[in-house]
Protein backbone atom coordinates (compact mmCIF):
# COMPACT_ATOMS: atom_id res chain seq x y z
CA MET A 1 168.15 152.85 33.79
CA LEU A 2 168.84 149.62 35.67
CA LEU A 3 171.83 149.62 38.00
CA LEU A 4 173.07 146.03 38.38
CA LEU A 5 175.82 144.63 40.56
CA LEU A 6 177.03 141.24 39.42
CA ALA A 7 177.04 138.25 41.76
CA CYS A 8 177.83 134.53 41.40
CA SER A 9 176.05 131.82 39.43
CA ASN A 10 173.60 129.85 41.59
CA PRO A 11 171.90 126.73 40.13
CA GLU A 12 169.47 126.56 43.06
CA LEU A 13 168.10 130.01 42.23
CA GLN A 14 167.56 129.01 38.60
CA ALA A 15 165.70 125.89 39.76
CA ASP A 16 163.58 128.00 42.12
CA TYR A 17 162.66 130.38 39.32
CA ASP A 18 161.82 127.51 36.97
CA ALA A 19 159.55 125.90 39.59
CA ARG A 20 157.68 129.19 40.13
CA LYS A 21 157.32 129.61 36.38
CA THR A 22 155.95 126.09 35.96
CA ALA A 23 153.35 126.70 38.68
CA ALA A 24 152.32 130.08 37.24
CA LEU A 25 151.89 128.68 33.72
CA ALA A 26 150.13 125.45 34.73
CA SER A 27 146.90 124.67 32.91
CA PRO A 28 143.80 124.73 35.14
CA GLY A 29 142.12 122.04 33.04
CA GLU A 30 138.44 121.83 32.19
CA PRO A 31 136.20 123.83 34.56
CA LYS A 32 134.07 121.88 37.02
CA SER A 33 130.34 122.59 37.15
CA SER A 34 130.79 123.78 40.74
CA TRP A 35 133.38 126.47 39.90
CA LYS A 36 133.39 129.62 41.99
CA ALA A 37 133.42 133.02 40.30
CA GLU A 38 136.77 134.85 40.14
CA GLY A 39 135.07 137.98 38.88
CA ALA A 40 131.77 139.27 37.57
CA LEU A 41 130.01 141.93 35.57
CA ARG A 42 126.95 143.16 37.51
CA LEU A 43 124.08 145.05 35.89
CA SER A 44 121.94 147.01 38.35
CA ALA A 45 118.15 146.71 38.58
CA GLU A 46 117.88 150.37 37.62
CA LEU A 47 119.98 149.89 34.49
CA LEU A 48 118.04 146.79 33.43
CA GLU A 49 114.76 148.65 33.90
CA GLU A 50 116.02 151.59 31.78
CA LEU A 51 117.10 149.26 28.97
CA MET A 52 113.87 147.27 29.12
CA ALA A 53 111.70 150.41 29.18
CA ALA A 54 113.41 151.84 26.10
CA SER A 55 113.04 148.57 24.20
CA ILE A 56 109.38 148.01 25.11
CA LYS A 57 108.45 151.56 24.13
CA ALA A 58 110.20 151.30 20.77
CA GLU A 59 108.79 147.87 19.95
CA SER A 60 105.20 148.80 20.87
CA LYS A 61 105.39 151.86 18.62
CA ALA A 62 106.72 149.76 15.74
CA ALA A 63 104.21 146.91 16.09
CA GLU A 64 101.30 146.65 13.66
CA PRO A 65 97.76 147.52 14.86
CA ILE A 66 95.52 144.63 15.91
CA ASP A 67 92.68 143.77 13.52
CA LEU A 68 89.44 143.28 15.46
CA SER A 69 87.91 140.87 12.94
CA GLY A 70 86.75 143.63 10.61
CA LEU A 71 85.17 145.72 13.37
CA GLY A 72 88.15 148.08 13.51
CA THR A 73 91.75 148.20 14.73
CA LEU A 74 93.44 148.44 18.10
CA LYS A 75 96.84 150.11 18.58
CA PRO A 76 98.27 149.99 22.13
CA VAL A 77 101.41 151.88 23.18
CA LEU A 78 103.14 150.36 26.22
CA THR A 79 105.09 152.03 29.01
CA LEU A 80 107.09 150.03 31.56
CA ASP A 81 106.01 150.93 35.12
CA SER A 82 107.99 148.40 37.17
CA PHE A 83 110.59 145.72 36.58
CA LYS A 84 112.57 143.27 38.72
CA LEU A 85 114.61 140.11 38.26
CA VAL A 86 113.47 136.78 39.69
CA ASP A 87 114.60 133.18 39.30
CA GLY A 88 114.45 131.93 35.73
CA ASP A 89 112.45 128.92 34.52
CA CYS A 90 115.13 127.59 32.18
CA LYS A 91 118.84 126.78 32.06
CA ASN A 92 121.20 129.76 31.91
CA CYS A 93 118.48 132.39 32.11
CA VAL A 94 116.94 134.75 34.63
CA GLY A 95 113.31 135.64 35.11
CA ALA A 96 111.82 139.11 35.01
CA GLN A 97 108.57 140.42 36.44
CA GLY A 98 107.03 143.77 35.67
CA THR A 99 104.01 145.89 34.91
CA VAL A 100 103.25 147.79 31.72
CA SER A 101 100.47 150.28 31.15
CA GLY A 102 99.20 152.44 28.38
CA ASN A 103 96.30 153.52 26.24
CA ALA A 104 94.89 151.27 23.55
CA VAL A 105 93.66 153.46 20.73
CA ILE A 106 90.69 151.73 19.11
CA LYS A 107 89.34 152.81 15.74
CA VAL A 108 85.79 151.67 14.89
CA ALA A 109 83.67 153.21 12.12
CA GLY A 110 85.95 156.25 11.94
CA ILE A 111 85.73 156.91 15.66
CA LYS A 112 88.85 156.89 17.87
CA LYS A 113 88.71 156.03 21.52
CA LYS A 114 91.50 155.65 24.11
CA ILE A 115 91.14 152.73 26.47
CA PRO A 116 93.52 152.68 29.49
CA PHE A 117 94.88 149.31 30.58
CA THR A 118 97.59 147.67 32.69
CA ALA A 119 99.29 144.29 32.34
CA ASP A 120 101.43 142.24 34.71
CA PHE A 121 104.02 140.00 33.07
CA THR A 122 106.61 137.36 33.86
CA LEU A 123 109.18 136.39 31.24
CA ASP A 124 112.48 134.57 30.93
CA MET A 125 115.60 136.38 29.71
CA THR A 126 118.10 134.06 28.09
CA PHE A 127 121.82 134.55 28.56
CA GLU A 128 123.56 133.57 25.34
CA THR A 129 127.31 133.29 25.04
CA GLU A 130 129.48 132.04 22.24
CA SER A 131 133.23 131.74 21.96
CA ARG A 132 134.92 133.46 19.06
CA LYS A 133 138.49 134.08 17.99
CA ALA A 134 139.78 137.64 17.83
CA LYS A 135 142.33 138.69 15.20
CA SER A 136 144.97 138.38 17.92
CA GLY A 137 144.09 134.70 18.32
CA ASP A 138 142.56 135.22 21.76
CA THR A 139 139.28 133.51 22.62
CA LEU A 140 136.55 136.00 23.53
CA ARG A 141 133.07 135.44 24.96
CA HIS A 142 130.30 137.28 23.13
CA ILE A 143 127.42 138.04 25.50
CA ILE A 144 123.76 138.69 24.56
CA LEU A 145 120.75 139.02 26.86
CA LYS A 146 117.35 138.64 25.26
CA PRO A 147 113.76 137.78 26.23
CA SER A 148 112.95 134.20 25.26
CA LYS A 149 109.53 133.28 26.65
CA VAL A 150 106.58 135.10 28.20
CA ARG A 151 105.49 132.87 31.06
CA LYS A 152 102.57 135.02 32.21
CA LEU A 153 100.67 138.09 31.02
CA LYS A 154 97.54 139.33 32.76
CA VAL A 155 95.69 142.29 31.23
CA GLU A 156 93.29 144.49 33.18
CA LEU A 157 90.93 147.08 31.69
CA SER A 158 89.37 149.80 33.78
CA GLY A 159 85.79 151.04 34.01
CA ALA A 160 83.37 150.56 31.11
CA ALA A 161 86.18 149.21 28.90
CA LYS A 162 85.83 145.84 30.65
CA ALA A 163 82.68 145.22 28.60
CA LEU A 164 84.55 145.49 25.29
CA ASP A 165 86.16 142.05 25.60
CA LEU A 166 89.61 143.29 24.57
CA GLU A 167 91.69 141.30 27.06
CA LYS A 168 92.47 138.52 24.58
CA PRO A 169 93.75 140.72 21.69
CA LEU A 170 95.67 142.91 24.15
CA LYS A 171 97.28 139.85 25.71
CA SER A 172 98.29 138.53 22.29
CA TYR A 173 99.73 141.94 21.40
CA GLY A 174 101.62 142.21 24.69
CA GLU A 175 103.19 138.77 24.28
CA GLN A 176 104.28 139.70 20.77
CA VAL A 177 105.91 142.93 21.95
CA LEU A 178 107.69 141.35 24.93
CA GLU A 179 109.10 138.47 22.90
CA ARG A 180 110.34 140.77 20.14
CA ILE A 181 112.01 143.51 22.16
CA ASP A 182 115.62 144.24 21.31
CA PRO A 183 118.28 142.03 22.91
CA VAL A 184 121.05 143.69 24.91
CA ASP A 185 124.32 142.94 23.13
CA LEU A 186 127.12 143.41 25.67
CA GLY A 187 129.80 142.58 23.11
CA ASP A 188 132.93 140.60 23.92
CA LEU A 189 134.20 139.86 27.40
CA GLY A 190 137.82 138.79 27.84
CA GLY A 191 140.92 139.71 25.88
CA PRO A 192 144.68 139.18 25.57
CA GLU A 193 145.21 139.28 29.36
CA LEU A 194 141.78 138.04 30.55
CA HIS A 195 141.31 134.50 29.23
CA LEU A 196 137.84 133.27 30.22
CA ARG A 197 137.22 129.54 30.58
CA ASP A 198 133.54 129.88 31.42
CA VAL A 199 130.75 132.38 32.11
CA ARG A 200 127.28 132.05 33.63
CA VAL A 201 124.45 134.30 34.78
CA LYS A 202 122.72 134.61 38.16
CA GLU A 203 120.12 136.84 39.77
CA GLU A 204 121.49 138.51 42.90
CA GLY A 205 119.21 140.75 44.93
CA GLY A 206 117.60 142.23 41.83
CA VAL A 207 120.98 142.57 40.07
CA MET A 208 122.09 140.50 37.08
CA ARG A 209 125.48 138.95 37.85
CA ILE A 210 127.49 137.57 34.92
CA GLU A 211 130.10 135.42 36.62
CA LEU A 212 133.57 134.88 35.15
CA LEU A 213 136.09 132.06 35.44
CA THR A 214 139.64 132.91 34.34
CA ASP A 215 142.53 130.61 33.43
CA ALA A 216 144.26 131.03 36.81
CA PRO A 217 146.09 127.74 37.58
CA GLU A 218 144.04 127.34 40.75
CA ASN A 219 140.56 128.72 41.38
CA ALA A 220 140.99 132.25 42.79
CA PRO A 221 137.40 133.16 43.73
CA VAL A 222 135.88 136.35 45.03
CA LYS A 223 135.83 135.79 48.79
CA ALA A 224 133.39 138.54 49.73
CA TRP A 225 131.15 140.32 47.23
CA PRO A 226 130.83 144.10 47.63
CA GLU A 227 127.38 145.65 47.91
CA VAL A 228 125.29 145.33 44.79
CA PRO A 229 125.24 148.44 42.60
CA GLN A 230 122.17 150.65 42.93
CA ALA A 231 122.70 152.11 39.45
CA GLY A 232 124.77 151.47 36.34
CA PHE A 233 127.16 148.52 36.17
CA GLN A 234 129.96 147.13 38.28
CA VAL A 235 132.94 144.89 37.53
CA VAL A 236 134.42 142.85 40.38
CA MET A 237 137.74 140.99 40.05
CA SER A 238 139.41 139.18 42.93
CA GLU A 239 142.94 140.27 43.84
CA SER A 240 144.09 136.64 43.73
CA ALA A 241 142.80 136.19 40.15
CA LEU A 242 144.44 139.44 39.02
CA LEU A 243 147.72 138.38 40.64
CA ALA A 244 147.57 134.95 38.96
CA ILE A 245 147.00 136.63 35.58
CA ALA A 246 149.89 139.04 36.16
CA ARG A 247 152.21 136.20 37.16
CA ARG A 248 151.28 134.18 34.08
CA GLU A 249 151.92 137.11 31.75
CA ALA A 250 155.19 138.09 33.46
CA PHE A 251 156.60 134.56 33.23
CA THR A 252 155.38 134.26 29.63
CA LEU A 253 157.18 137.49 28.73
CA GLY A 254 160.48 136.37 30.26
CA GLU A 255 163.23 139.00 30.21
CA VAL A 256 162.03 142.52 30.88
CA SER A 257 164.35 143.72 28.09
CA PRO A 258 166.27 141.37 25.78
CA GLY A 259 169.86 140.76 26.82
CA THR A 260 169.56 142.10 30.38
CA GLY A 261 169.05 138.77 32.15
CA ILE A 262 166.48 140.57 34.32
CA TYR A 263 163.09 138.95 35.04
CA ALA A 264 160.18 140.30 37.08
CA GLU A 265 157.75 138.23 39.15
CA PRO A 266 154.66 139.79 40.81
CA THR A 267 154.34 138.07 44.21
CA SER A 268 151.46 139.82 45.97
CA LEU A 269 148.70 142.37 45.36
CA ASP A 270 146.73 144.43 47.85
CA LEU A 271 144.16 146.99 46.70
CA ASP A 272 142.65 149.36 49.24
CA GLY A 273 140.50 152.29 48.20
CA GLN A 274 142.39 154.40 45.68
CA GLY A 275 145.76 152.84 46.55
CA PHE A 276 147.59 149.58 45.94
CA GLU A 277 150.70 147.67 46.99
CA MET A 278 152.30 145.01 44.86
CA GLY A 279 155.09 142.67 45.81
CA LEU A 280 157.70 142.28 43.08
CA ARG A 281 160.64 139.90 42.97
CA VAL A 282 163.38 140.95 40.53
CA TRP A 283 165.58 138.09 39.28
CA ARG A 284 169.01 138.27 37.60
CA LEU A 285 169.55 134.99 35.71
CA ASP A 286 172.46 135.21 33.32
CA GLY A 287 175.12 133.27 35.16
CA SER A 288 175.31 135.97 37.82
CA ASP A 289 172.22 134.83 39.69
CA TRP A 290 170.32 136.60 42.46
CA TRP A 291 166.91 137.94 43.42
CA ARG A 292 165.68 140.91 45.40
CA ASP A 293 162.16 141.68 46.69
CA TYR A 294 160.44 145.06 46.52
CA THR A 295 157.07 146.47 47.51
CA LEU A 296 155.62 148.96 45.05
CA SER A 297 153.00 151.46 46.20
CA GLY A 298 150.81 153.53 43.95
CA ASP A 299 147.42 154.91 42.98
CA VAL A 300 144.30 153.47 41.38
CA SER A 301 142.29 155.91 39.26
CA ILE A 302 140.18 156.42 36.16
CA VAL A 303 141.76 158.64 33.50
CA LYS A 304 139.81 159.38 30.31
CA GLU A 305 137.37 156.57 31.15
CA GLU A 306 140.16 153.99 31.45
CA LEU A 307 141.65 152.24 34.48
CA LEU A 308 145.12 153.46 35.48
CA LEU A 309 147.41 151.87 38.08
CA LYS A 310 150.48 154.02 38.65
CA ALA A 311 153.37 153.05 40.94
CA ASN A 312 155.03 156.03 42.64
CA SER A 313 157.18 154.64 45.45
CA VAL A 314 159.22 151.56 46.30
CA GLU A 315 160.50 149.82 49.43
CA GLU A 316 163.27 147.21 49.44
CA GLY A 317 162.67 143.82 51.09
CA ASP A 318 164.45 140.47 51.31
CA LYS A 319 167.25 139.46 48.97
CA SER A 320 169.37 136.47 48.09
CA LYS A 321 173.07 136.26 48.91
CA GLY A 322 175.12 138.56 46.71
CA ALA A 323 172.06 140.31 45.30
CA GLY A 324 172.59 143.30 43.09
CA ILE A 325 170.41 146.40 42.89
CA ALA A 326 167.68 146.92 40.31
CA ASP A 327 165.33 149.87 40.13
CA PRO A 328 161.85 148.25 40.03
CA LEU A 329 160.24 151.53 38.98
CA ALA A 330 162.32 151.30 35.84
CA LEU A 331 160.68 147.94 35.24
CA ILE A 332 157.29 149.51 35.80
CA GLY A 333 158.39 152.19 33.35
CA GLU A 334 158.31 149.39 30.78
CA ALA A 335 154.55 149.51 31.61
CA TYR A 336 153.94 145.84 31.07
CA ILE A 337 153.05 144.71 34.61
CA MET A 338 150.68 147.60 35.22
CA ARG A 339 149.22 147.11 31.76
CA ILE A 340 148.56 143.44 32.53
CA LEU A 341 146.54 144.37 35.63
CA GLN A 342 144.70 147.18 33.85
CA ASP A 343 143.81 145.20 30.74
CA SER A 344 142.75 142.06 32.60
CA ALA A 345 140.29 144.06 34.73
CA GLN A 346 138.96 146.05 31.77
CA GLY A 347 138.43 142.80 29.87
CA ALA A 348 135.40 142.24 32.10
CA LEU A 349 133.75 145.51 31.02
CA PRO A 350 130.88 145.40 28.52
CA GLY A 351 132.72 144.79 25.27
CA SER A 352 130.71 147.24 23.17
CA GLU A 353 131.60 150.87 23.85
CA GLN A 354 128.13 151.68 22.61
CA PHE A 355 125.12 149.71 21.42
CA GLU A 356 121.54 150.34 20.34
CA VAL A 357 118.51 149.41 22.43
CA GLY A 358 115.09 150.63 21.45
CA SER A 359 115.48 153.89 19.55
CA SER A 360 118.58 155.12 21.42
CA THR A 361 122.31 154.55 21.33
CA TRP A 362 123.69 153.61 24.76
CA LYS A 363 127.29 154.42 25.74
CA VAL A 364 129.45 152.59 28.29
CA VAL A 365 131.13 155.08 30.65
CA LEU A 366 133.69 153.94 33.28
CA GLU A 367 133.64 156.30 36.28
CA ASP A 368 135.31 154.82 39.37
CA ALA A 369 137.89 152.24 40.46
CA GLN A 370 138.86 151.17 43.96
CA GLY A 371 139.96 148.26 46.08
CA VAL A 372 137.15 146.79 48.19
CA GLY A 373 137.52 143.70 50.38
CA GLU A 374 140.30 141.91 48.42
CA ASN A 375 138.73 142.88 45.10
CA LEU A 376 139.23 145.47 42.40
CA VAL A 377 135.85 147.11 41.79
CA LEU A 378 135.12 149.18 38.68
CA SER A 379 131.88 151.16 38.44
CA GLY A 380 130.17 153.07 35.69
CA ARG A 381 127.04 153.85 33.73
CA ILE A 382 125.49 152.82 30.46
CA LYS A 383 123.69 155.97 29.44
CA ALA A 384 121.32 156.80 26.61
CA GLY A 385 122.74 159.05 23.92
CA LYS A 386 121.43 160.48 20.70
CA THR A 387 118.72 158.64 18.83
CA PRO A 388 120.18 157.12 15.67
CA ARG A 389 118.71 158.41 12.41
């Protein structure tokens, strides 16, 4: 319940509120080519290697045997031994280098023989994104990563197999497999609270970084990137971008509850480890005009694989002349400000809760959330589940 003490009408306070609202709702315009990322989805080298290994194995098993001009057939099965990201050779793509190995089973005149081989490859992985409208009317970004071109493939046979002149058919087979492996469909990024103006992909120390630009009125970039993830995925969102999103949504909402004349304005956000502090200005604008500042403190956690920000204490700050009293935790009880922060951060998670790569279904699991260096950092895994039938 809100306890309010009436004060006097103050046109200057209304003008101040209107100016803040105008600034918070200002359009950022078209993004410049030099925009700086306000957040990112990072896929670790280990995760990319797991996804690539599963896809290569499945595709090589499904591929047709090679016809050796009537002399017999050759059926290789590939296993990924190493994989790393490098600079791409095309626009909006990253490169990948790796080594595959396996046994080529050759059948000639009813006789089977296994021939061990290895192959080094370099390919480009294209980052495709398209805008689409959700049922809610929000614009989402659908993200797909897929191999587009094999730049290099060098096959090596061992021992006596070198005399069989199989490098050319094995190379052709390997190129076919690599170019046809399953794309990784990350689903939709963005949502009702996270409006994305642009996305792009970069290689960063072996990690794939999908950079995000929000609709914050002014560019609110990540100032210092946390360490790259060694496993799984990581979402990074700058505090300043999250605050800008929360301010936009709060001013768009207007009154906290119809008829109260009470408005809430997030003014600051500080995330540190598993805790947070948020500045909140509470306005009374119904002819009895005043404002009062509060600092909310609370916890950052993951509950049932979802981000939860929960305020549990409050400290009063500055106030205007004649200010009344409002319980800001009652405002938080309305859940909308915390929900804005939670949903905007989770909008940068892989949009598909599960997807198929190779012969397995992979599930997105959110495991950790904390404040790191003026950012909110979410971490998790994309793990292989049951093989679909």
